Amino acid sequence: MNKALISVDREAVVAPINRRIFGSFVEHLGRCVYDGIYEPGHATANEDGFRMDVVDLVRELGSTTIRYPGGNFVSGFRWEDSVGPRDRRPVRRDLAWHSLETNQVGVDEFSRWLKLTGSELMMAVNLGTRGIEAALDLLEYCNHPSGTALSDQRIANGTPEPHDIRMWCLGNEMDGPWQTGYMTADDYGKIAARTAQAMKAADKGLELVVCGSSSSSMPTFGDWERTVLEHTYEHVDFISCHAYYQERGDDLDSYLASSLDMQYFIETVVATADHVGNKLKSKKKIQLSFDEWNIWYLDEHRESDEVNGEWRYAPRQLEDVYSVADAVVLGNLLITLLKNHDRVASASLAQLVNVIAPIMTEPGGDAWRQTTFFPFSVTSRLARGEVLRPRIDVGTYSTEVYGDAPLVDSVVTSDEGAAAVFLVNRGRTPIEVQVDVAQLGVNEITEAVSLFDDDVYAKNTLAEQDRVGLTGLVGATLADGVVTVTLPPVSWSAIALG
């Protein structure tokens, strides 16, 4: 049997945990909002039309900051359409996803939904077809207490207290030719800088996210970040990163090592941001907002007819059904985000319900957990205090895409006599792991769970909603400061210590 030795140094602190690392994303796309979080006729719907069974699952998932309302959708969004009496709100065409938007869920309703889930709103402004004035108007509507035209309009619309949104995205994926109003890096950097400067003139305490590259495979990757930050560096706090992964062909081995690409992405953006900061002789450090990340079988969707010539309400789009292997990769991506938490200060799993999501719903019926729900929910629940970067001594295996990849990946969190160890076995055989936690002041294993299956492509579906779930990690022991455990093949695991 292969073996791995992991040692944890209490002084090897990456960063204190910011709960924003466990964020998610709700876009007006497919059935994410309509028939997802919002279904007035559902048996569990509240007075606003929100499905409370979905609210319960979102709370269990542990998502924190929710990015809204897009995504590609935001580049055509007229925020004014989404407020005021619902029977007066216009139906609009959404060019991003070729569908019809009713605007029945808007800024005020979504803010009320967030209170039900205990989440924070991360708002995106439209810099695709609009600009500074619309962004300032939305900011005034949302955040000014009272006594101005737009704050009083919010109050008249039934929301007396300001939404007090702290985190704002300056557009979305403005480097992408698919984006309505996409731009060159130079053009975008200029409009983003002017918008950021104006928004901070209204409220200097805002935290602003400028668009980075849509993926590390974009031809302008790296150069885009450099140019945009040269314009915006002193006006913004974050630069965004977006990354999606999928298994291609039958190359499971490469797919299981996808987090190596995410690590490359993070390191490249950090190096570029710091280069610009040094060039400008700035004292600040730009943080990363990895505000879109997930498993997405984009190749298959591009070949489908989900987006066609019809203009439809809430069509079924991008409804990936996830396997055990997908969940293991997602858990590994989350480990990577935590290992880089000193610079990745915020992250959003895209998306939350139905659309490439950990939660699925059926109109008038059930809501259930996808396989990817489990590693996210357990990590969000157990990760507390500080992130520690462990030393991992383990063998490698060969991949076509990434070369030799470590068989095991791990990250550790520690918080005043409690700790958690998160582990992934990328290999096809069991691995015995010993984790030296003697410096963490823990005495017992309080929880040990794993996600795996003899069929790595097993999934949870409407017909079999509980086919895949967490399994107790049998045989895990803690003796003389060392955790010993055997990780199943192709698995994600978590061990809580107290």
Protein backbone atom coordinates (compact mmCIF):
# COMPACT_ATOMS: atom_id res chain seq x y z
CA MET A 1 0.00 0.00 0.00
CA ASN A 2 1.21 3.54 -0.78
CA LYS A 3 1.91 5.74 2.24
CA ALA A 4 1.96 9.46 2.97
CA LEU A 5 3.48 11.38 5.87
CA ILE A 6 2.03 14.78 6.74
CA SER A 7 3.51 17.07 9.39
CA VAL A 8 1.76 20.14 10.78
CA ASP A 9 3.77 23.07 12.14
CA ARG A 10 1.63 25.34 14.34
CA GLU A 11 3.70 28.31 13.14
CA ALA A 12 3.11 27.60 9.41
CA VAL A 13 0.11 29.93 9.31
CA VAL A 14 -1.29 30.86 5.91
CA ALA A 15 -3.93 33.30 7.20
CA PRO A 16 -6.82 33.63 9.63
CA ILE A 17 -9.96 32.23 8.04
CA ASN A 18 -12.16 34.84 6.39
CA ARG A 19 -15.64 33.35 6.01
CA ARG A 20 -15.88 34.92 2.55
CA ILE A 21 -13.77 32.03 1.27
CA PHE A 22 -16.97 29.95 1.48
CA GLY A 23 -19.04 32.19 -0.77
CA SER A 24 -21.33 31.22 -3.62
CA PHE A 25 -23.04 32.78 -6.62
CA VAL A 26 -26.61 33.35 -7.76
CA GLU A 27 -27.12 34.51 -11.35
CA HIS A 28 -30.31 35.10 -13.30
CA LEU A 29 -29.50 32.11 -15.50
CA GLY A 30 -31.60 29.06 -16.27
CA ARG A 31 -33.41 27.83 -13.17
CA CYS A 32 -31.04 29.25 -10.57
CA VAL A 33 -33.47 31.98 -9.45
CA TYR A 34 -36.82 31.01 -10.97
CA ASP A 35 -37.78 27.43 -10.00
CA GLY A 36 -34.61 27.41 -7.89
CA ILE A 37 -34.59 29.78 -4.94
CA TYR A 38 -37.94 31.32 -6.02
CA GLU A 39 -41.12 29.36 -6.70
CA PRO A 40 -44.22 31.08 -5.29
CA GLY A 41 -46.50 28.08 -5.83
CA HIS A 42 -44.26 25.63 -3.97
CA ALA A 43 -45.53 24.08 -0.74
CA THR A 44 -42.58 25.49 1.21
CA ALA A 45 -42.66 29.02 -0.29
CA ASN A 46 -42.76 31.99 2.08
CA GLU A 47 -44.61 35.28 1.52
CA ASP A 48 -41.87 36.47 -0.89
CA GLY A 49 -42.16 33.27 -2.95
CA PHE A 50 -38.84 31.80 -1.78
CA ARG A 51 -38.56 28.05 -1.28
CA MET A 52 -37.74 27.45 2.36
CA ASP A 53 -36.54 23.89 1.68
CA VAL A 54 -33.83 25.49 -0.48
CA VAL A 55 -33.08 28.04 2.23
CA ASP A 56 -32.52 25.17 4.70
CA LEU A 57 -30.07 23.49 2.31
CA VAL A 58 -28.21 26.77 1.68
CA ARG A 59 -27.79 27.21 5.42
CA GLU A 60 -26.53 23.63 5.71
CA LEU A 61 -24.14 24.20 2.81
CA GLY A 62 -22.62 27.07 4.79
CA SER A 63 -22.29 29.55 1.95
CA THR A 64 -21.46 33.06 3.12
CA THR A 65 -20.97 35.85 0.59
CA ILE A 66 -23.30 35.48 -2.42
CA ARG A 67 -22.31 37.17 -5.69
CA TYR A 68 -25.33 38.62 -7.56
CA PRO A 69 -26.95 39.11 -10.14
CA GLY A 70 -24.26 37.77 -12.51
CA GLY A 71 -22.17 36.66 -14.25
CA ASN A 72 -22.76 37.37 -17.90
CA PHE A 73 -26.30 38.45 -17.03
CA VAL A 74 -25.05 41.63 -15.33
CA SER A 75 -23.72 43.11 -18.59
CA GLY A 76 -27.28 43.73 -19.78
CA PHE A 77 -28.90 44.29 -16.36
CA ARG A 78 -30.94 47.44 -15.75
CA TRP A 79 -31.22 47.43 -11.97
CA GLU A 80 -34.16 49.84 -12.00
CA ASP A 81 -36.28 47.13 -13.67
CA SER A 82 -35.87 44.91 -10.59
CA VAL A 83 -37.31 47.23 -7.92
CA GLY A 84 -40.73 48.64 -7.13
CA PRO A 85 -44.16 47.01 -7.51
CA ARG A 86 -43.79 43.60 -9.12
CA ASP A 87 -46.76 44.05 -11.42
CA ARG A 88 -45.07 47.06 -13.01
CA ARG A 89 -41.69 45.47 -13.65
CA PRO A 90 -40.85 45.00 -17.33
CA VAL A 91 -39.98 41.73 -18.99
CA ARG A 92 -36.61 42.04 -20.74
CA ARG A 93 -34.54 39.91 -23.08
CA ASP A 94 -31.33 38.59 -21.55
CA LEU A 95 -28.78 38.40 -24.35
CA ALA A 96 -26.25 36.50 -22.24
CA TRP A 97 -28.35 33.35 -21.94
CA HIS A 98 -30.96 34.03 -24.65
CA SER A 99 -33.91 33.95 -22.26
CA LEU A 100 -36.62 36.22 -20.87
CA GLU A 101 -36.20 37.95 -17.52
CA THR A 102 -39.36 38.80 -15.57
CA ASN A 103 -37.58 40.82 -12.86
CA GLN A 104 -39.88 39.31 -10.26
CA VAL A 105 -36.83 38.77 -8.08
CA GLY A 106 -34.74 41.91 -7.76
CA VAL A 107 -32.38 43.75 -5.47
CA ASP A 108 -34.74 44.14 -2.51
CA GLU A 109 -36.20 40.64 -2.65
CA PHE A 110 -32.79 39.04 -3.00
CA SER A 111 -31.52 40.99 -0.01
CA ARG A 112 -34.40 39.62 2.04
CA TRP A 113 -33.56 36.10 0.84
CA LEU A 114 -29.98 36.59 2.00
CA LYS A 115 -31.18 37.37 5.51
CA LEU A 116 -32.98 34.01 5.55
CA THR A 117 -29.74 32.22 4.63
CA GLY A 118 -27.44 34.31 6.83
CA SER A 119 -25.36 35.37 3.82
CA GLU A 120 -23.73 38.62 2.71
CA LEU A 121 -24.53 40.28 -0.63
CA MET A 122 -21.70 40.85 -3.12
CA MET A 123 -23.19 43.06 -5.84
CA ALA A 124 -21.99 43.36 -9.44
CA VAL A 125 -22.50 46.54 -11.46
CA ASN A 126 -23.05 46.66 -15.22
CA LEU A 127 -19.99 47.99 -17.04
CA GLY A 128 -20.87 46.18 -20.26
CA THR A 129 -23.77 48.30 -21.52
CA ARG A 130 -23.84 50.93 -18.77
CA GLY A 131 -21.29 52.74 -16.61
CA ILE A 132 -20.51 55.19 -13.82
CA GLU A 133 -23.91 56.86 -13.44
CA ALA A 134 -25.87 53.61 -13.19
CA ALA A 135 -23.34 52.21 -10.71
CA LEU A 136 -23.62 55.30 -8.51
CA ASP A 137 -27.41 55.20 -8.69
CA LEU A 138 -27.49 51.56 -7.62
CA LEU A 139 -25.06 52.33 -4.79
CA GLU A 140 -27.26 55.21 -3.60
CA TYR A 141 -30.40 53.08 -3.78
CA CYS A 142 -28.81 50.24 -1.82
CA ASN A 143 -26.63 51.96 0.75
CA HIS A 144 -27.71 55.54 1.48
CA PRO A 145 -29.88 55.69 4.63
CA SER A 146 -32.51 58.24 3.55
CA GLY A 147 -33.12 61.76 2.34
CA THR A 148 -32.08 61.35 -1.30
CA ALA A 149 -34.21 60.53 -4.33
CA LEU A 150 -33.05 56.94 -4.67
CA SER A 151 -32.74 56.07 -0.98
CA ASP A 152 -36.27 57.40 -0.45
CA GLN A 153 -37.41 55.32 -3.43
CA ARG A 154 -36.01 52.22 -1.68
CA ILE A 155 -37.88 53.15 1.48
CA ALA A 156 -41.10 53.68 -0.50
CA ASN A 157 -40.56 50.25 -2.04
CA GLY A 158 -40.72 48.70 1.43
CA THR A 159 -37.08 48.55 2.52
CA PRO A 160 -36.54 51.23 5.18
CA GLU A 161 -33.04 50.16 6.20
CA PRO A 162 -30.15 50.37 3.72
CA HIS A 163 -28.73 47.11 2.38
CA ASP A 164 -25.22 48.32 3.31
CA ILE A 165 -23.46 46.24 0.65
CA ARG A 166 -19.71 46.32 1.24
CA MET A 167 -18.31 44.30 -1.66
CA TRP A 168 -18.92 45.32 -5.29
CA CYS A 169 -17.75 43.78 -8.58
CA LEU A 170 -16.88 46.19 -11.39
CA GLY A 171 -18.52 44.28 -14.22
CA ASN A 172 -17.97 40.65 -15.19
CA GLU A 173 -15.50 38.86 -17.50
CA MET A 174 -14.95 41.97 -19.59
CA ASP A 175 -12.15 40.21 -21.49
CA GLY A 176 -14.55 37.65 -23.01
CA PRO A 177 -15.94 38.03 -26.56
CA TRP A 178 -19.14 36.37 -25.28
CA GLN A 179 -19.69 39.28 -22.90
CA THR A 180 -22.13 41.99 -23.97
CA GLY A 181 -19.96 45.10 -24.29
CA TYR A 182 -16.62 43.33 -23.83
CA MET A 183 -13.52 45.52 -24.05
CA THR A 184 -9.78 45.59 -24.40
CA ALA A 185 -7.82 45.60 -21.16
CA ASP A 186 -6.91 49.24 -21.69
CA ASP A 187 -10.51 50.35 -22.28
CA TYR A 188 -11.84 48.30 -19.39
CA GLY A 189 -9.09 49.46 -17.02
CA LYS A 190 -9.99 53.07 -17.72
CA ILE A 191 -13.76 52.71 -17.14
CA ALA A 192 -13.19 50.50 -14.10
CA ALA A 193 -10.81 53.05 -12.57
CA ARG A 194 -13.24 55.93 -13.09
CA THR A 195 -16.16 53.90 -11.73
CA ALA A 196 -14.15 52.77 -8.70
CA GLN A 197 -12.98 56.29 -7.94
CA ALA A 198 -16.54 57.61 -8.13
CA MET A 199 -17.98 54.83 -5.96
CA LYS A 200 -15.35 55.35 -3.29
CA ALA A 201 -16.04 59.08 -3.37
CA ALA A 202 -19.56 58.14 -2.29
CA ASP A 203 -18.36 55.58 0.29
CA LYS A 204 -14.64 55.15 0.90
CA GLY A 205 -15.28 51.98 2.90
CA LEU A 206 -16.41 49.93 -0.11
CA GLU A 207 -14.41 46.88 -1.18
CA LEU A 208 -14.14 46.78 -4.96
CA VAL A 209 -13.33 43.84 -7.24
CA VAL A 210 -11.89 44.53 -10.69
CA CYS A 211 -12.24 41.95 -13.46
CA GLY A 212 -9.31 39.66 -14.04
CA SER A 213 -9.12 37.05 -16.79
CA SER A 214 -12.08 34.77 -17.44
CA SER A 215 -9.71 31.80 -17.30
CA SER A 216 -6.01 31.03 -17.39
CA SER A 217 -6.45 29.78 -20.97
CA MET A 218 -7.45 33.21 -22.31
CA PRO A 219 -4.87 34.48 -24.85
CA THR A 220 -4.58 37.74 -22.90
CA PHE A 221 -4.09 36.06 -19.50
CA GLY A 222 -1.45 37.83 -17.44
CA ASP A 223 -1.18 40.79 -19.76
CA TRP A 224 -4.87 41.58 -19.07
CA GLU A 225 -4.24 41.65 -15.31
CA ARG A 226 -1.17 43.84 -15.71
CA THR A 227 -2.88 46.42 -17.91
CA VAL A 228 -6.08 46.58 -15.87
CA LEU A 229 -4.22 46.93 -12.57
CA GLU A 230 -1.96 49.64 -13.94
CA HIS A 231 -5.14 51.71 -14.32
CA THR A 232 -7.00 50.61 -11.19
CA TYR A 233 -4.45 49.55 -8.58
CA GLU A 234 -4.98 52.38 -6.11
CA HIS A 235 -8.78 52.33 -6.49
CA VAL A 236 -9.62 48.65 -6.01
CA ASP A 237 -9.06 45.98 -3.38
CA PHE A 238 -9.45 42.69 -5.28
CA ILE A 239 -8.89 41.28 -8.74
CA SER A 240 -11.17 38.43 -9.81
CA CYS A 241 -10.22 34.93 -10.96
CA HIS A 242 -12.58 32.50 -12.72
CA ALA A 243 -11.84 28.82 -13.33
CA TYR A 244 -13.94 25.80 -14.27
CA TYR A 245 -12.82 22.20 -14.65
CA GLN A 246 -14.17 19.04 -16.24
CA GLU A 247 -13.00 15.57 -17.15
CA ARG A 248 -12.15 15.37 -20.84
CA GLY A 249 -12.22 12.09 -22.65
CA ASP A 250 -11.35 9.24 -20.32
CA ASP A 251 -8.48 11.07 -18.65
CA LEU A 252 -9.57 10.72 -15.01
CA ASP A 253 -5.98 10.89 -13.75
CA SER A 254 -5.43 14.40 -15.17
CA TYR A 255 -8.86 15.52 -14.02
CA LEU A 256 -8.13 14.51 -10.43
CA ALA A 257 -5.07 16.80 -10.52
CA SER A 258 -7.04 19.87 -11.69
CA SER A 259 -6.08 21.83 -8.58
CA LEU A 260 -2.54 22.10 -9.98
CA ASP A 261 -3.95 24.39 -12.67
CA MET A 262 -5.76 26.47 -10.05
CA GLN A 263 -2.47 26.80 -8.15
CA TYR A 264 -0.74 28.01 -11.32
CA PHE A 265 -3.56 30.51 -11.91
CA ILE A 266 -3.27 31.92 -8.38
CA GLU A 267 0.51 32.18 -8.45
CA THR A 268 0.50 33.93 -11.83
CA VAL A 269 -2.10 36.52 -10.81
CA VAL A 270 -0.36 37.19 -7.48
CA ALA A 271 2.98 37.67 -9.24
CA THR A 272 1.42 40.03 -11.79
CA ALA A 273 -0.42 42.06 -9.15
CA ASP A 274 2.69 42.39 -7.02
CA HIS A 275 4.74 43.40 -10.05
CA VAL A 276 2.32 46.24 -10.76
CA GLY A 277 2.28 47.25 -7.09
CA ASN A 278 6.07 47.39 -6.99
CA LYS A 279 6.17 49.32 -10.27
CA LEU A 280 3.76 51.88 -8.82
CA LYS A 281 5.65 51.91 -5.50
CA SER A 282 2.39 51.15 -3.73
CA LYS A 283 2.19 50.03 -0.10
CA LYS A 284 -1.01 48.03 -0.63
CA LYS A 285 -1.44 44.40 -1.69
CA ILE A 286 -4.20 43.45 -4.10
CA GLN A 287 -6.13 40.41 -2.89
CA LEU A 288 -7.73 37.78 -5.14
CA SER A 289 -11.46 37.18 -5.36
CA PHE A 290 -11.88 33.73 -6.89
CA ASP A 291 -15.51 34.60 -7.48
CA GLU A 292 -16.30 31.88 -10.01
CA TRP A 293 -14.99 28.36 -9.55
CA ASN A 294 -16.56 24.95 -9.97
CA ILE A 295 -16.88 21.83 -12.07
CA TRP A 296 -18.62 22.66 -15.36
CA TYR A 297 -19.04 20.34 -18.35
CA LEU A 298 -18.94 23.30 -20.70
CA ASP A 299 -17.88 21.29 -23.75
CA GLU A 300 -21.05 19.23 -23.59
CA HIS A 301 -23.29 22.26 -23.10
CA ARG A 302 -21.76 24.01 -26.09
CA GLU A 303 -22.76 21.01 -28.21
CA SER A 304 -26.34 20.98 -26.90
CA ASP A 305 -29.36 23.04 -27.95
CA GLU A 306 -29.95 24.55 -24.49
CA VAL A 307 -29.43 28.03 -25.92
CA ASN A 308 -31.46 28.17 -29.13
CA GLY A 309 -33.58 30.58 -31.15
CA GLU A 310 -36.46 30.64 -28.67
CA TRP A 311 -36.87 33.31 -25.98
CA ARG A 312 -37.96 31.31 -22.92
CA TYR A 313 -38.59 31.89 -19.23
CA ALA A 314 -36.16 30.07 -16.91
CA PRO A 315 -35.15 27.30 -19.35
CA ARG A 316 -33.22 24.30 -18.09
CA GLN A 317 -29.64 25.32 -18.76
CA LEU A 318 -26.29 24.07 -17.48
CA GLU A 319 -27.85 21.53 -15.11
CA ASP A 320 -24.81 19.32 -14.63
CA VAL A 321 -25.33 16.21 -12.50
CA TYR A 322 -22.17 15.58 -10.54
CA SER A 323 -20.31 12.36 -9.81
CA VAL A 324 -18.14 11.21 -6.94
CA ALA A 325 -15.06 12.11 -9.00
CA ASP A 326 -16.44 15.62 -9.52
CA ALA A 327 -16.94 16.01 -5.77
CA VAL A 328 -13.39 14.84 -5.03
CA VAL A 329 -12.00 17.40 -7.48
CA LEU A 330 -14.18 20.14 -5.98
CA GLY A 331 -12.97 19.26 -2.49
CA ASN A 332 -9.39 19.47 -3.75
CA LEU A 333 -10.03 22.88 -5.34
CA LEU A 334 -11.35 24.12 -2.00
CA ILE A 335 -8.19 22.82 -0.31
CA THR A 336 -6.17 24.83 -2.83
CA LEU A 337 -8.13 28.01 -2.13
CA LEU A 338 -7.49 27.57 1.59
CA LYS A 339 -3.78 26.91 1.06
CA ASN A 340 -3.61 30.29 -0.72
CA HIS A 341 -5.89 32.12 1.71
CA ASP A 342 -3.25 34.76 2.42
CA ARG A 343 -4.02 36.16 -1.04
CA VAL A 344 -7.33 34.53 -1.99
CA ALA A 345 -9.46 36.39 0.51
CA SER A 346 -12.84 35.70 -1.11
CA ALA A 347 -14.25 32.93 -3.30
CA SER A 348 -17.63 32.09 -4.81
CA LEU A 349 -18.68 28.60 -5.84
CA ALA A 350 -20.59 29.13 -9.07
CA GLN A 351 -23.45 28.54 -8.83
CA LEU A 352 -25.78 27.75 -5.94
CA VAL A 353 -29.00 26.11 -7.20
CA ASN A 354 -29.75 24.03 -10.35
CA VAL A 355 -27.15 25.72 -12.60
CA ILE A 356 -23.82 23.83 -12.17
CA ALA A 357 -24.84 23.72 -8.53
CA PRO A 358 -24.54 21.72 -5.30
CA ILE A 359 -28.32 21.98 -4.77
CA MET A 360 -30.96 20.76 -7.23
CA THR A 361 -34.73 21.30 -7.25
CA GLU A 362 -37.74 20.00 -9.10
CA PRO A 363 -40.66 22.41 -9.73
CA GLY A 364 -43.37 21.62 -7.20
CA GLY A 365 -41.20 18.84 -5.80
CA ASP A 366 -38.04 18.03 -3.92
CA ALA A 367 -34.75 19.78 -3.31
CA TRP A 368 -31.67 17.59 -2.87
CA ARG A 369 -27.90 17.58 -2.43
CA GLN A 370 -25.54 16.86 -5.28
CA THR A 371 -22.29 15.01 -4.55
CA THR A 372 -20.41 18.32 -4.58
CA PHE A 373 -22.55 19.57 -1.69
CA PHE A 374 -20.73 17.42 0.84
CA PRO A 375 -17.07 18.53 0.69
CA PHE A 376 -18.14 22.17 0.62
CA SER A 377 -20.59 21.92 3.53
CA VAL A 378 -18.22 19.94 5.76
CA THR A 379 -15.24 22.20 5.05
CA SER A 380 -17.32 25.32 5.71
CA ARG A 381 -18.52 23.86 9.00
CA LEU A 382 -15.22 22.47 10.31
CA ALA A 383 -12.68 25.04 9.08
CA ARG A 384 -12.16 27.53 11.89
CA GLY A 385 -9.42 29.75 13.25
CA GLU A 386 -6.32 29.76 11.07
CA VAL A 387 -5.25 27.89 7.95
CA LEU A 388 -2.01 25.95 8.34
CA ARG A 389 0.07 24.73 5.39
CA PRO A 390 1.22 21.16 6.10
CA ARG A 391 4.29 19.45 4.75
CA ILE A 392 3.29 16.44 2.64
CA ASP A 393 5.69 13.63 1.83
CA VAL A 394 4.03 11.32 -0.67
CA GLY A 395 4.67 9.65 -3.98
CA THR A 396 3.38 10.81 -7.33
CA TYR A 397 1.45 9.40 -10.25
CA SER A 398 1.67 10.26 -13.92
CA THR A 399 -0.87 12.47 -15.71
CA GLU A 400 -1.09 13.41 -19.37
CA VAL A 401 -1.88 17.08 -18.71
CA TYR A 402 0.09 17.95 -15.56
CA GLY A 403 2.98 15.50 -15.57
CA ASP A 404 3.70 13.92 -12.19
CA ALA A 405 1.12 14.85 -9.56
CA PRO A 406 1.18 14.10 -5.81
CA LEU A 407 -1.13 11.26 -4.81
CA VAL A 408 -2.35 13.12 -1.72
CA ASP A 409 -3.21 16.77 -1.07
CA SER A 410 -4.15 18.27 2.28
CA VAL A 411 -4.73 21.41 4.30
CA VAL A 412 -5.21 21.89 8.05
CA THR A 413 -7.08 24.44 10.15
CA SER A 414 -6.54 25.11 13.86
CA ASP A 415 -8.60 27.03 16.40
CA GLU A 416 -7.92 27.02 20.17
CA GLY A 417 -7.77 23.34 20.97
CA ALA A 418 -9.71 22.23 17.91
CA ALA A 419 -8.44 21.38 14.46
CA ALA A 420 -9.50 19.87 11.15
CA VAL A 421 -7.54 17.97 8.53
CA PHE A 422 -8.86 17.87 4.96
CA LEU A 423 -7.43 15.23 2.63
CA VAL A 424 -7.74 14.06 -0.97
CA ASN A 425 -6.52 10.77 -2.38
CA ARG A 426 -6.12 11.22 -6.13
CA GLY A 427 -4.91 7.66 -6.57
CA ARG A 428 -6.79 4.56 -7.70
CA THR A 429 -5.70 2.52 -4.64
CA PRO A 430 -5.97 3.09 -0.86
CA ILE A 431 -3.24 5.16 0.82
CA GLU A 432 -2.22 4.98 4.46
CA VAL A 433 -1.64 8.48 5.82
CA GLN A 434 0.00 9.55 9.06
CA VAL A 435 -0.59 13.16 10.13
CA ASP A 436 1.61 14.57 12.90
CA VAL A 437 -0.67 16.97 14.82
CA ALA A 438 1.32 17.00 18.07
CA GLN A 439 1.71 20.79 17.98
CA LEU A 440 -2.03 21.46 17.76
CA GLY A 441 -2.97 20.52 21.33
CA VAL A 442 -5.67 18.03 20.37
CA ASN A 443 -6.51 14.76 22.14
CA GLU A 444 -9.25 12.99 20.21
CA ILE A 445 -10.94 12.52 16.87
CA THR A 446 -14.42 14.04 17.10
CA GLU A 447 -15.50 13.36 13.52
CA ALA A 448 -14.08 11.48 10.54
CA VAL A 449 -15.94 11.33 7.23
CA SER A 450 -15.14 10.52 3.63
CA LEU A 451 -16.79 10.81 0.24
CA PHE A 452 -16.00 7.91 -2.09
CA ASP A 453 -17.69 5.07 -3.94
CA ASP A 454 -16.68 1.92 -5.77
CA ASP A 455 -18.23 3.65 -8.80
CA VAL A 456 -16.43 7.00 -9.13
CA TYR A 457 -19.17 8.12 -11.53
CA ALA A 458 -22.05 7.48 -9.11
CA LYS A 459 -24.42 10.47 -8.85
CA ASN A 460 -27.40 11.77 -6.92
CA THR A 461 -30.45 12.29 -9.15
CA LEU A 462 -34.14 13.09 -8.78
CA ALA A 463 -34.84 9.36 -8.77
CA GLU A 464 -31.93 8.50 -6.43
CA GLN A 465 -31.37 11.59 -4.31
CA ASP A 466 -29.27 9.81 -1.66
CA ARG A 467 -27.25 7.46 -3.86
CA VAL A 468 -24.01 9.17 -2.74
CA GLY A 469 -23.29 10.63 0.68
CA LEU A 470 -20.70 10.86 3.41
CA THR A 471 -19.32 7.68 4.94
CA GLY A 472 -17.64 7.30 8.30
CA LEU A 473 -13.88 7.04 7.86
CA VAL A 474 -13.42 3.67 9.50
CA GLY A 475 -10.19 2.96 11.39
CA ALA A 476 -8.96 6.52 11.90
CA THR A 477 -6.94 6.76 15.13
CA LEU A 478 -5.08 9.41 17.11
CA ALA A 479 -2.21 8.20 19.28
CA ASP A 480 0.90 10.02 20.54
CA GLY A 481 0.03 13.10 18.49
CA VAL A 482 -0.28 11.22 15.20
CA VAL A 483 -3.46 10.60 13.22
CA THR A 484 -3.33 7.38 11.24
CA VAL A 485 -5.92 6.75 8.57
CA THR A 486 -6.33 4.83 5.34
CA LEU A 487 -7.83 6.94 2.59
CA PRO A 488 -10.07 5.11 0.09
CA PRO A 489 -9.23 5.41 -3.62
CA VAL A 490 -10.40 8.62 -5.35
CA SER A 491 -11.73 10.15 -2.15
CA TRP A 492 -12.17 13.36 -0.21
CA SER A 493 -11.99 13.14 3.58
CA ALA A 494 -12.21 15.36 6.66
CA ILE A 495 -11.06 14.63 10.22
CA ALA A 496 -12.09 16.91 13.09
CA LEU A 497 -9.93 16.93 16.24
CA GLY A 498 -10.54 18.27 19.71
